[in-house]
Structure formats: C-alpha cells, structure tokens
Amino acid sequence: MPLVLDVPTMLLMIAAASLAMAASLAAARPQRSEGTGLWALGLVMHAATYVLYAMRGRVPDWASIVLSNLLLAGTFAMALGAVCRFRGRALPWGRMLAPVVAMTALYMVFLDDYRARIVVAGILAPVQISMVLWVLWRPQPLAQLRGAWLFTVGLSLQFVLLALRGLLAAMHAIPLDGLMRSSPMQSFVFMAAFVVVILASLGFILMAKDRADAENRYFAVHDELTGAANRRALIQALDRDLARALRSGEPYALLMLDIDHFKAVNDTHGHRAGDRVLCHVATVLRARLRAQDLIGRYGGEEFMLLLPNTTLDGAAALAETLREVMEQSPCLHEGRSIAVTVSIGVCGTQMESIQDWDRLIQAADQALYRAKAAGRNRVVCADLPRRSRT
C-alpha cells in the first residue's frame, strides 16, 4: 500500500518547523546579520503560507489560494535577498518582486483551476530557486562550502519536486483532486517541503557560523585595523623562524618601525585620519616585502618586520629603502595629503639560541629609540650582543 499521510497534519508540521527555525535564528541574534534577518522573515512567511493552506475551505479562497502563494513566492524572494546580503551585494528588488507579482496575478486568473495553478508554481518557484542558487555560487563559490552544499541540496530538492509536479500536471499524468486530498504525490511533496525547511535553514546557519569562525581565526592573529599580523602572531612567527634559523645557520633580521609625530596627526586631522595613516603605512610596507617576510603591528603606531635569511647589511638597506618610500608616499585622506615619515631600528645576527627573540626585539627597539632621539626619519642599526659564556 502506498504511504498516504494526513494533509492538514503535514501542512501544520511544515509551518511549525518554519517557525521553529525562525525562532532559533531570532534567539541566536548573531552580531552580524549577513542576511539571517531576511532568512528568518522568509521562514515566517513560509509558516504563514502553510497555515493558510491548512485552512483551505475555512477561509475565503483569496486568502488560502492567492495570499498563501503570494507568501510562498515572497519566501523565495526573501531567500534571494538573504543570500545577496550574505555575499555583500545589494538587494535585487526587481528580481525579488517580479516573481511575487507574477505569481499573485496568475493565481488570481486561475483561481478556479487547480491544475493550472500547479503548473504556474512548477515554473515560477523553480525560477526563483535558480536565482537563489546562482547568486550563491556565482561568480565564484563561497568559502563556506559545508553550509553552501547543505543549502543547495535543500533548495535543489524543492526545485526538482516543484518542477516535476508542474510538468506532470501539465501532461495530465497525475490525478489532481485538490490540495486537501491525500495522495502519494501530495504526501511526498509535503514531506519533502518539511525536509527542505530543515536542510536549507541549517545550511544557511552553518554558512554564517563558518564565516564567523573563519573571521575569529583571522582576527586572532591579525590586527583588525591594518590587516597586519598582531603581536601574538609576531611572537609565534619569531619562535618558529628562529628555530629554523638556528638549525640552518641562516642570519635573521628584525626591524622596529615607528611613525614619526603620529600624535600630531591625530590632534591635527582627527583619529580617522590617524587610522588611515596606519593602514597606509601597512600597505606601503607590505608591497615591498618578500613572501617569506612578515609585517605586524606591534602596538600603537609601531610596526615590526621579520626578515628571515637576511643579514644586518641587507636589513639596513631594506630599511633605508622603506624610509625613503614612506617619505615620498604621503597619505591621502578626504582630499588632503598627510606627510608620513618613519624611524626604523634594525637588528640582525646569526642566532645562537631559540630564546634570542626577546634580545632581538630589545636591540631593535633600542636602535629605534636612538633613531627618534637623533631627529626621526632615519635608520639606526644594532647588532645583537653575543651571550656571555661561562
């Protein structure tokens, strides 16, 4: 015997699942919505759709047929808007609203023709789903692939079922006795709708979680303002690099760089200009380093540059180049040109111990202090003093 389930029960189960997922998103209240608000709104509209379906015969046809399917089309429109927001794009109001208007108009025309309405839904809803999936995967795939694939599987299942049912209805290949009549096809379609709500919603939540986790990992080792490595990442890199330099016998160099008169920039031009100067300096420095070098913000307006396999002479030459480039590269902010110069302390040596990183930093920092005391906008070098042997 084919499996035939009670239609009103299934409709209310779908509505309950949609409301439960919407409530879960509302309770989570992510710091950055990234489309979750639109997705939750779409789930509420989806729940209202199936409540109106379940009330077929108890409410006027314009509510249980026209309004319900307007809400269903609105659900897919919200899904499109949610994915656009997640991808950082503007809401495509034309593509969101056109299918809703078309669905409403055609359902009013075919108010008394159930088969025609199934065909219309089998065309317009898959078109809407196709737009959602296109935005999700084009022009390049998301980095959050786990959630994207789960989301895609859910919506693809809905696409196939709606398109197939519309095709079979158009070919008169299936009996259509009305929405509330139980049949194997109705049971399968509504069971699938229940599964789609869960799969697609979990996929969207997982995409948001994966992105948040990736950002947390990024900002654990990067300065939020400049994108340079933070102090923690610099120390970790020093530990790693010095261990390698000690094994290979390669020289190692470190630069401490300070922006001259940075407080005056903040006082004269404002803190937003100061932030812009910090980003400008990080960008200029990053563009002139090798792939194996590392730039980090050590604190305030002070940057540290790690230079593996670099002699003191090589580091001094690079430091002088960086100083000249900064002097010749004013920072542009709100139509104004802000002159930027830097003082640099340099230290480079053959490593004797993996624990030398603190002495390396101290020596470079003292050289930086001498550069500032000597008038700023200059480079001062220091060699790491040898450890005393007992």
Protein backbone atom coordinates (compact mmCIF):
# COMPACT_ATOMS: atom_id res chain seq x y z
CA MET A 1 0.00 0.00 0.00
CA PRO A 2 1.36 3.48 -0.87
CA LEU A 3 2.14 5.76 2.02
CA VAL A 4 -0.60 8.38 2.37
CA LEU A 5 -0.40 10.90 5.21
CA ASP A 6 -2.96 13.31 6.59
CA VAL A 7 -2.59 16.54 4.62
CA PRO A 8 -3.63 19.10 7.31
CA THR A 9 -1.22 17.48 9.78
CA MET A 10 1.66 17.69 7.32
CA LEU A 11 0.86 21.31 6.50
CA LEU A 12 0.90 22.30 10.15
CA MET A 13 4.14 20.36 10.70
CA ILE A 14 5.80 22.36 7.93
CA ALA A 15 4.51 25.61 9.46
CA ALA A 16 5.78 24.55 12.90
CA ALA A 17 9.21 23.64 11.51
CA SER A 18 9.49 27.00 9.74
CA LEU A 19 8.53 28.93 12.88
CA ALA A 20 10.95 26.87 14.98
CA MET A 21 13.85 27.66 12.65
CA ALA A 22 12.89 31.34 12.54
CA ALA A 23 12.74 31.44 16.35
CA SER A 24 16.16 29.77 16.54
CA LEU A 25 17.66 32.47 14.32
CA ALA A 26 15.98 35.21 16.36
CA ALA A 27 17.25 33.70 19.62
CA ALA A 28 20.80 33.41 18.29
CA ARG A 29 20.88 37.10 17.28
CA PRO A 30 24.25 36.98 15.50
CA GLN A 31 26.44 40.06 15.83
CA ARG A 32 26.40 40.49 12.06
CA SER A 33 23.09 39.54 10.48
CA GLU A 34 24.52 38.86 6.97
CA GLY A 35 21.04 38.03 5.69
CA THR A 36 19.85 35.99 8.67
CA GLY A 37 17.10 38.52 9.35
CA LEU A 38 15.76 38.18 5.80
CA TRP A 39 16.02 34.40 6.02
CA ALA A 40 14.06 34.41 9.31
CA LEU A 41 11.42 36.65 7.74
CA GLY A 42 11.17 34.24 4.83
CA LEU A 43 10.63 31.36 7.27
CA VAL A 44 7.79 33.26 8.98
CA MET A 45 6.20 33.87 5.56
CA HIS A 46 6.67 30.17 4.79
CA ALA A 47 4.90 29.22 8.01
CA ALA A 48 2.03 31.59 7.21
CA THR A 49 1.77 30.02 3.74
CA TYR A 50 1.20 26.54 5.12
CA VAL A 51 -1.18 27.73 7.85
CA LEU A 52 -3.34 29.27 5.11
CA TYR A 53 -3.05 26.04 3.11
CA ALA A 54 -4.31 24.10 6.13
CA MET A 55 -7.28 26.45 6.39
CA ARG A 56 -8.41 25.76 2.83
CA GLY A 57 -12.23 25.69 2.86
CA ARG A 58 -12.39 27.53 6.21
CA VAL A 59 -11.22 30.91 4.90
CA PRO A 60 -12.02 32.69 1.62
CA ASP A 61 -10.25 31.38 -1.48
CA TRP A 62 -8.40 34.67 -1.99
CA ALA A 63 -6.64 34.03 1.36
CA SER A 64 -5.99 30.29 1.13
CA ILE A 65 -5.04 30.38 -2.56
CA VAL A 66 -3.88 33.83 -3.69
CA LEU A 67 -2.46 35.22 -0.44
CA SER A 68 -0.84 31.93 0.54
CA ASN A 69 1.03 31.62 -2.74
CA LEU A 70 1.95 35.30 -2.67
CA LEU A 71 3.61 34.49 0.66
CA LEU A 72 5.27 31.40 -0.82
CA ALA A 73 6.75 33.49 -3.64
CA GLY A 74 7.75 36.04 -1.01
CA THR A 75 9.56 33.27 0.87
CA PHE A 76 11.81 32.59 -2.13
CA ALA A 77 12.24 36.34 -2.62
CA MET A 78 13.50 36.64 0.96
CA ALA A 79 15.83 33.68 0.33
CA LEU A 80 17.30 35.54 -2.66
CA GLY A 81 17.69 38.69 -0.59
CA ALA A 82 19.30 36.76 2.28
CA VAL A 83 21.91 35.16 0.03
CA CYS A 84 22.66 38.53 -1.63
CA ARG A 85 23.18 40.09 1.79
CA PHE A 86 25.38 37.19 2.85
CA ARG A 87 27.52 37.78 -0.22
CA GLY A 88 27.68 41.50 0.48
CA ARG A 89 25.57 42.52 -2.52
CA ALA A 90 22.71 44.99 -2.83
CA LEU A 91 19.20 43.60 -2.72
CA PRO A 92 17.97 42.88 -6.29
CA TRP A 93 14.48 44.27 -5.76
CA GLY A 94 13.43 43.72 -9.37
CA ARG A 95 14.31 40.02 -9.34
CA MET A 96 12.81 39.66 -5.88
CA LEU A 97 9.47 41.31 -6.60
CA ALA A 98 8.75 40.32 -10.22
CA PRO A 99 8.01 36.61 -9.46
CA VAL A 100 5.83 37.62 -6.50
CA VAL A 101 3.73 39.92 -8.68
CA ALA A 102 3.56 37.30 -11.45
CA MET A 103 2.53 34.55 -9.02
CA THR A 104 -0.19 36.72 -7.49
CA ALA A 105 -1.61 37.79 -10.85
CA LEU A 106 -1.62 34.27 -12.33
CA TYR A 107 -3.21 32.74 -9.24
CA MET A 108 -5.98 35.33 -9.41
CA VAL A 109 -6.54 34.41 -13.06
CA PHE A 110 -6.53 30.65 -12.33
CA LEU A 111 -8.39 30.88 -9.03
CA ASP A 112 -10.75 28.06 -10.05
CA ASP A 113 -8.22 25.92 -11.96
CA TYR A 114 -6.13 23.84 -9.56
CA ARG A 115 -4.14 22.13 -12.30
CA ALA A 116 -3.15 25.45 -13.90
CA ARG A 117 -2.04 26.75 -10.51
CA ILE A 118 0.21 23.70 -10.02
CA VAL A 119 1.77 24.34 -13.44
CA VAL A 120 2.34 28.01 -12.60
CA ALA A 121 4.00 27.08 -9.29
CA GLY A 122 6.07 24.46 -11.14
CA ILE A 123 7.50 27.20 -13.35
CA LEU A 124 7.83 30.31 -11.19
CA ALA A 125 9.09 28.71 -7.98
CA PRO A 126 11.94 26.81 -9.73
CA VAL A 127 12.88 30.06 -11.48
CA GLN A 128 13.13 31.76 -8.09
CA ILE A 129 15.16 28.89 -6.65
CA SER A 130 17.50 29.04 -9.66
CA MET A 131 18.15 32.74 -8.99
CA VAL A 132 18.96 31.99 -5.35
CA LEU A 133 21.42 29.23 -6.24
CA TRP A 134 23.01 31.33 -8.99
CA VAL A 135 23.76 34.14 -6.53
CA LEU A 136 25.05 31.59 -4.03
CA TRP A 137 27.62 30.06 -6.39
CA ARG A 138 28.42 32.80 -8.95
CA PRO A 139 30.64 34.43 -9.96
CA GLN A 140 32.80 32.41 -7.54
CA PRO A 141 31.91 29.80 -4.91
CA LEU A 142 31.66 30.73 -1.27
CA ALA A 143 34.44 29.87 1.13
CA GLN A 144 31.83 28.36 3.47
CA LEU A 145 31.32 25.20 1.41
CA ARG A 146 29.80 22.93 4.07
CA GLY A 147 26.78 25.14 4.63
CA ALA A 148 26.55 26.11 0.96
CA TRP A 149 26.28 22.47 -0.11
CA LEU A 150 23.64 21.70 2.53
CA PHE A 151 21.70 24.79 1.49
CA THR A 152 21.99 23.80 -2.17
CA VAL A 153 20.82 20.23 -1.56
CA GLY A 154 17.73 21.51 0.26
CA LEU A 155 16.72 24.03 -2.39
CA SER A 156 17.59 21.67 -5.24
CA LEU A 157 15.23 19.07 -3.80
CA GLN A 158 12.48 21.68 -3.73
CA PHE A 159 13.32 22.69 -7.30
CA VAL A 160 13.07 19.12 -8.61
CA LEU A 161 9.81 18.33 -6.82
CA LEU A 162 8.00 21.51 -7.82
CA ALA A 163 9.20 21.34 -11.41
CA LEU A 164 8.34 17.64 -11.69
CA ARG A 165 4.88 18.11 -10.20
CA GLY A 166 4.24 21.05 -12.53
CA LEU A 167 5.37 19.02 -15.55
CA LEU A 168 3.24 16.02 -14.62
CA ALA A 169 0.25 18.27 -14.03
CA ALA A 170 0.71 19.93 -17.41
CA MET A 171 0.85 16.49 -19.06
CA HIS A 172 -2.23 15.30 -17.11
CA ALA A 173 -0.03 12.43 -15.89
CA ILE A 174 -1.16 12.66 -12.26
CA PRO A 175 -4.65 12.98 -10.74
CA LEU A 176 -5.26 16.33 -9.07
CA ASP A 177 -8.25 16.31 -6.75
CA GLY A 178 -7.38 19.40 -4.73
CA LEU A 179 -4.87 20.44 -2.11
CA MET A 180 -6.55 18.72 0.85
CA ARG A 181 -6.98 15.32 -0.82
CA SER A 182 -4.41 12.80 0.39
CA SER A 183 -2.37 11.02 -2.28
CA PRO A 184 1.10 9.52 -2.56
CA MET A 185 2.26 12.57 -4.59
CA GLN A 186 0.87 15.04 -2.03
CA SER A 187 2.46 13.10 0.82
CA PHE A 188 5.83 13.04 -0.90
CA VAL A 189 5.75 16.74 -1.84
CA PHE A 190 4.81 17.92 1.65
CA MET A 191 7.25 15.59 3.39
CA ALA A 192 9.95 16.98 1.12
CA ALA A 193 8.89 20.55 1.95
CA PHE A 194 9.37 19.73 5.65
CA VAL A 195 12.86 18.35 4.96
CA VAL A 196 13.75 21.35 2.77
CA VAL A 197 12.95 23.81 5.56
CA ILE A 198 15.35 21.99 7.89
CA LEU A 199 18.15 21.41 5.34
CA ALA A 200 18.16 24.89 3.82
CA SER A 201 17.89 26.66 7.19
CA LEU A 202 20.66 24.58 8.74
CA GLY A 203 22.76 25.22 5.64
CA PHE A 204 22.31 28.97 5.97
CA ILE A 205 23.09 28.88 9.69
CA LEU A 206 26.19 26.77 9.02
CA MET A 207 27.38 29.24 6.36
CA ALA A 208 27.08 32.08 8.88
CA LYS A 209 28.84 30.04 11.58
CA ASP A 210 31.70 29.00 9.29
CA ARG A 211 32.24 32.61 8.24
CA ALA A 212 32.23 33.80 11.85
CA ASP A 213 34.69 31.05 12.82
CA ALA A 214 36.98 31.98 9.93
CA GLU A 215 36.89 35.65 10.94
CA ASN A 216 37.62 34.75 14.56
CA ARG A 217 40.63 32.71 13.44
CA TYR A 218 41.80 35.58 11.22
CA PHE A 219 41.48 38.26 13.89
CA ALA A 220 43.18 36.01 16.44
CA VAL A 221 46.43 36.60 14.53
CA HIS A 222 45.76 39.84 12.61
CA ASP A 223 45.34 43.46 13.58
CA GLU A 224 41.73 44.41 12.82
CA LEU A 225 42.53 47.89 11.53
CA THR A 226 45.55 47.32 9.27
CA GLY A 227 45.30 43.61 8.47
CA ALA A 228 48.93 43.18 9.56
CA ALA A 229 49.91 40.42 11.96
CA ASN A 230 49.18 41.21 15.59
CA ARG A 231 51.64 41.00 18.47
CA ARG A 232 50.68 37.43 19.32
CA ALA A 233 51.25 36.28 15.74
CA LEU A 234 54.60 38.08 15.60
CA ILE A 235 55.91 36.27 18.67
CA GLN A 236 54.68 32.93 17.32
CA ALA A 237 56.41 33.63 14.00
CA LEU A 238 59.61 34.61 15.77
CA ASP A 239 59.64 31.36 17.71
CA ARG A 240 59.13 29.38 14.52
CA ASP A 241 61.57 31.36 12.38
CA LEU A 242 64.36 31.45 14.93
CA ALA A 243 64.17 27.70 15.46
CA ARG A 244 64.60 27.24 11.70
CA ALA A 245 67.40 29.83 11.54
CA LEU A 246 69.19 28.11 14.41
CA ARG A 247 69.06 24.74 12.64
CA SER A 248 70.11 26.08 9.24
CA GLY A 249 72.66 28.64 10.42
CA GLU A 250 70.93 31.38 8.41
CA PRO A 251 71.09 35.02 9.56
CA TYR A 252 67.94 36.68 10.84
CA ALA A 253 66.95 40.34 10.99
CA LEU A 254 64.21 42.36 12.64
CA LEU A 255 63.03 45.93 12.03
CA MET A 256 61.15 48.09 14.53
CA LEU A 257 59.41 50.95 12.76
CA ASP A 258 57.63 53.91 14.33
CA ILE A 259 55.52 56.57 12.57
CA ASP A 260 57.00 59.99 13.31
CA HIS A 261 54.81 62.56 15.11
CA PHE A 262 51.76 60.29 14.96
CA LYS A 263 50.06 62.06 17.88
CA ALA A 264 50.23 65.30 15.91
CA VAL A 265 48.38 63.60 13.03
CA ASN A 266 45.56 62.62 15.39
CA ASP A 267 45.46 66.04 17.02
CA THR A 268 45.53 67.94 13.72
CA HIS A 269 43.49 65.78 11.39
CA GLY A 270 41.46 63.57 13.73
CA HIS A 271 41.56 59.94 14.72
CA ARG A 272 40.01 58.74 11.46
CA ALA A 273 42.96 60.29 9.65
CA GLY A 274 45.28 58.57 12.11
CA ASP A 275 43.67 55.23 11.31
CA ARG A 276 44.04 55.95 7.62
CA VAL A 277 47.75 56.70 8.09
CA LEU A 278 48.26 53.39 9.92
CA CYS A 279 46.59 51.49 7.08
CA HIS A 280 48.60 53.46 4.51
CA VAL A 281 51.89 52.62 6.19
CA ALA A 282 50.97 48.91 6.44
CA THR A 283 50.03 48.84 2.75
CA VAL A 284 53.22 50.55 1.59
CA LEU A 285 55.41 48.28 3.69
CA ARG A 286 53.60 45.09 2.69
CA ALA A 287 54.05 45.90 -1.01
CA ARG A 288 57.84 45.95 -0.67
CA LEU A 289 58.43 42.80 1.35
CA ARG A 290 59.20 39.29 0.17
CA ALA A 291 56.70 36.47 0.53
CA GLN A 292 58.66 34.99 3.46
CA ASP A 293 58.84 38.29 5.35
CA LEU A 294 56.18 39.29 7.86
CA ILE A 295 54.85 42.69 8.86
CA GLY A 296 52.98 43.13 12.12
CA ARG A 297 51.56 45.91 14.24
CA TYR A 298 53.47 45.66 17.49
CA GLY A 299 51.45 48.33 19.28
CA GLY A 300 50.06 51.81 18.69
CA GLU A 301 51.91 53.34 15.75
CA GLU A 302 54.80 50.87 15.97
CA PHE A 303 55.32 48.09 13.43
CA MET A 304 57.66 45.11 13.44
CA LEU A 305 59.09 43.48 10.33
CA LEU A 306 60.53 39.96 10.47
CA LEU A 307 63.13 39.16 7.81
CA PRO A 308 64.25 35.51 7.67
CA ASN A 309 67.57 34.69 6.00
CA THR A 310 68.59 38.36 5.97
CA THR A 311 71.90 39.84 7.09
CA LEU A 312 72.23 43.04 9.06
CA ASP A 313 73.53 44.84 5.95
CA GLY A 314 70.63 43.54 3.87
CA ALA A 315 68.11 44.58 6.52
CA ALA A 316 69.70 48.04 6.79
CA ALA A 317 69.46 48.53 3.02
CA LEU A 318 65.80 47.48 3.05
CA ALA A 319 65.08 49.77 6.00
CA GLU A 320 66.57 52.74 4.16
CA THR A 321 64.51 51.91 1.08
CA LEU A 322 61.35 51.72 3.18
CA ARG A 323 62.16 55.02 4.87
CA GLU A 324 62.64 56.75 1.52
CA VAL A 325 59.47 55.24 0.05
CA MET A 326 57.40 56.36 3.04
CA GLU A 327 58.82 59.87 2.82
CA GLN A 328 57.84 60.02 -0.84
CA SER A 329 54.37 58.49 -0.30
CA PRO A 330 52.06 60.91 1.51
CA CYS A 331 48.75 59.54 2.81
CA LEU A 332 45.63 60.84 1.10
CA HIS A 333 42.64 61.34 3.38
CA GLU A 334 39.42 63.16 2.45
CA GLY A 335 41.17 65.17 -0.22
CA ARG A 336 44.10 66.11 2.00
CA SER A 337 47.70 64.95 1.72
CA ILE A 338 49.30 63.96 5.02
CA ALA A 339 53.08 63.71 5.05
CA VAL A 340 54.32 60.49 6.62
CA THR A 341 57.86 59.68 7.74
CA VAL A 342 59.14 56.79 9.83
CA SER A 343 62.04 55.99 12.13
CA ILE A 344 63.46 52.48 11.96
CA GLY A 345 65.61 50.42 14.29
CA VAL A 346 67.38 47.44 12.73
CA CYS A 347 68.93 44.38 14.31
CA GLY A 348 70.33 41.34 12.55
CA THR A 349 72.61 38.48 13.52
CA GLN A 350 73.40 34.78 13.44
CA MET A 351 71.17 33.16 16.03
CA GLU A 352 72.73 31.38 19.00
CA SER A 353 69.59 30.31 20.82
CA ILE A 354 65.88 29.95 20.13
CA GLN A 355 65.34 32.17 23.16
CA ASP A 356 67.11 35.10 21.45
CA TRP A 357 63.88 36.62 20.13
CA ASP A 358 63.43 38.86 23.20
CA ARG A 359 67.01 40.12 22.90
CA LEU A 360 66.47 40.69 19.17
CA ILE A 361 63.39 42.82 19.85
CA GLN A 362 65.17 44.71 22.64
CA ALA A 363 68.15 45.53 20.45
CA ALA A 364 65.98 46.72 17.55
CA ASP A 365 63.82 48.74 19.95
CA GLN A 366 66.88 50.48 21.39
CA ALA A 367 68.08 51.26 17.87
CA LEU A 368 64.65 52.73 17.12
CA TYR A 369 64.87 54.88 20.24
CA ARG A 370 68.22 56.23 19.07
CA ALA A 371 66.78 56.98 15.63
CA LYS A 372 63.98 59.02 17.19
CA ALA A 373 66.35 60.78 19.59
CA ALA A 374 68.59 61.71 16.65
CA GLY A 375 65.79 63.61 14.92
CA ARG A 376 63.48 60.93 13.44
CA ASN A 377 63.05 59.97 9.77
CA ARG A 378 66.20 57.87 9.86
CA VAL A 379 67.53 54.32 10.22
CA VAL A 380 69.76 53.15 13.06
CA CYS A 381 71.29 49.67 13.22
CA ALA A 382 72.26 47.49 16.15
CA ASP A 383 73.94 44.11 16.26
CA LEU A 384 72.67 41.57 18.76
CA PRO A 385 75.24 41.33 21.55
CA ARG A 386 76.72 37.88 21.98
CA ARG A 387 75.68 35.92 25.01
CA SER A 388 78.38 35.68 27.62
CA ARG A 389 79.78 32.17 28.03
CA THR A 390 80.51 30.74 31.45
